[in-house]
Amino acid sequence: MALTDTFVKNVKHTGAPAGDKHTDGQGLFLLVKAAGKYWRLSYRFLGKQKTLALGVYPEVSLAQARQRRDQARVLTQRFLHSSGC
């Protein structure tokens, strides 16, 4: 299920050492740690799993994180097509 602004604002860290991962879709997720809330994008590139940092909440809103996710996906696809991979 997609994240909402209200959920992102109110979610709290549960105490898990690795943090809590809340997915939004298409690889975007919110990583909640004791130190803060971090937007991350999980994706595969040339067969390898990668994670891209998209920003820290609340400096980067849910809408901005989704825009950054879309931009990163476009850039990845452009690279793959231009390099002939």
Protein backbone atom coordinates (compact mmCIF):
# COMPACT_ATOMS: atom_id res chain seq x y z
CA MET A 1 0.00 0.00 0.00
CA ALA A 2 1.27 3.47 -0.84
CA LEU A 3 2.41 5.79 1.93
CA THR A 4 0.42 8.85 2.94
CA ASP A 5 1.58 12.23 4.23
CA THR A 6 -0.13 11.58 7.57
CA PHE A 7 1.54 8.19 8.02
CA VAL A 8 5.00 9.57 7.15
CA LYS A 9 4.55 12.44 9.59
CA ASN A 10 3.37 10.24 12.48
CA VAL A 11 5.41 7.04 12.10
CA LYS A 12 7.85 6.35 14.94
CA HIS A 13 10.97 4.22 15.23
CA THR A 14 10.20 0.88 16.92
CA GLY A 15 13.70 0.33 18.26
CA ALA A 16 14.91 -2.15 15.65
CA PRO A 17 18.70 -1.69 15.22
CA ALA A 18 18.50 -1.64 11.41
CA GLY A 19 15.52 0.70 11.41
CA ASP A 20 12.00 0.22 10.07
CA LYS A 21 11.34 0.03 6.34
CA HIS A 22 8.00 1.30 4.99
CA THR A 23 7.50 0.82 1.24
CA ASP A 24 5.67 3.18 -1.11
CA GLY A 25 6.03 1.41 -4.46
CA GLN A 26 8.42 1.15 -7.42
CA GLY A 27 11.35 0.74 -5.05
CA LEU A 28 10.75 3.85 -2.94
CA PHE A 29 10.77 3.36 0.83
CA LEU A 30 11.01 5.33 4.05
CA LEU A 31 13.69 4.10 6.45
CA VAL A 32 12.83 5.14 10.01
CA LYS A 33 15.70 5.11 12.50
CA ALA A 34 16.16 6.69 15.91
CA ALA A 35 18.12 9.52 14.27
CA GLY A 36 15.47 10.38 11.67
CA LYS A 37 13.48 9.40 8.57
CA TYR A 38 15.31 8.73 5.32
CA TRP A 39 13.99 8.33 1.77
CA ARG A 40 15.66 5.49 -0.13
CA LEU A 41 15.23 3.94 -3.57
CA SER A 42 15.99 0.26 -4.04
CA TYR A 43 16.70 -0.82 -7.62
CA ARG A 44 18.68 -3.24 -9.76
CA PHE A 45 21.35 -1.95 -12.12
CA LEU A 46 23.27 -4.26 -14.44
CA GLY A 47 22.09 -7.22 -12.36
CA LYS A 48 23.15 -5.84 -8.99
CA GLN A 49 20.97 -4.61 -6.13
CA LYS A 50 21.55 -0.92 -5.35
CA THR A 51 20.14 1.66 -2.92
CA LEU A 52 20.01 5.37 -3.66
CA ALA A 53 19.54 8.04 -0.97
CA LEU A 54 16.85 10.53 -2.00
CA GLY A 55 16.80 12.79 1.05
CA VAL A 56 15.72 13.19 4.65
CA TYR A 57 12.16 13.81 5.82
CA PRO A 58 10.82 16.52 6.39
CA GLU A 59 13.26 18.42 4.13
CA VAL A 60 12.13 16.13 1.31
CA SER A 61 8.37 15.56 1.31
CA LEU A 62 6.60 12.42 0.10
CA ALA A 63 5.70 14.12 -3.19
CA GLN A 64 9.31 15.26 -3.72
CA ALA A 65 10.62 11.76 -2.92
CA ARG A 66 8.27 10.32 -5.55
CA GLN A 67 9.50 12.88 -8.11
CA ARG A 68 13.13 12.02 -7.32
CA ARG A 69 12.32 8.32 -7.67
CA ASP A 70 10.82 8.95 -11.12
CA GLN A 71 13.82 11.05 -12.17
CA ALA A 72 16.25 8.36 -11.04
CA ARG A 73 14.35 5.70 -12.99
CA VAL A 74 14.49 7.84 -16.15
CA LEU A 75 18.23 8.44 -15.76
CA THR A 76 18.88 4.74 -15.23
CA GLN A 77 16.90 3.83 -18.33
CA ARG A 78 18.68 6.48 -20.42
CA PHE A 79 22.06 5.14 -19.35
CA LEU A 80 21.10 1.57 -20.21
CA HIS A 81 19.81 2.55 -23.65
CA SER A 82 22.74 4.84 -24.49
CA SER A 83 25.39 2.34 -23.40
CA GLY A 84 23.80 -0.56 -25.27
CA CYS A 85 23.51 -2.75 -22.15
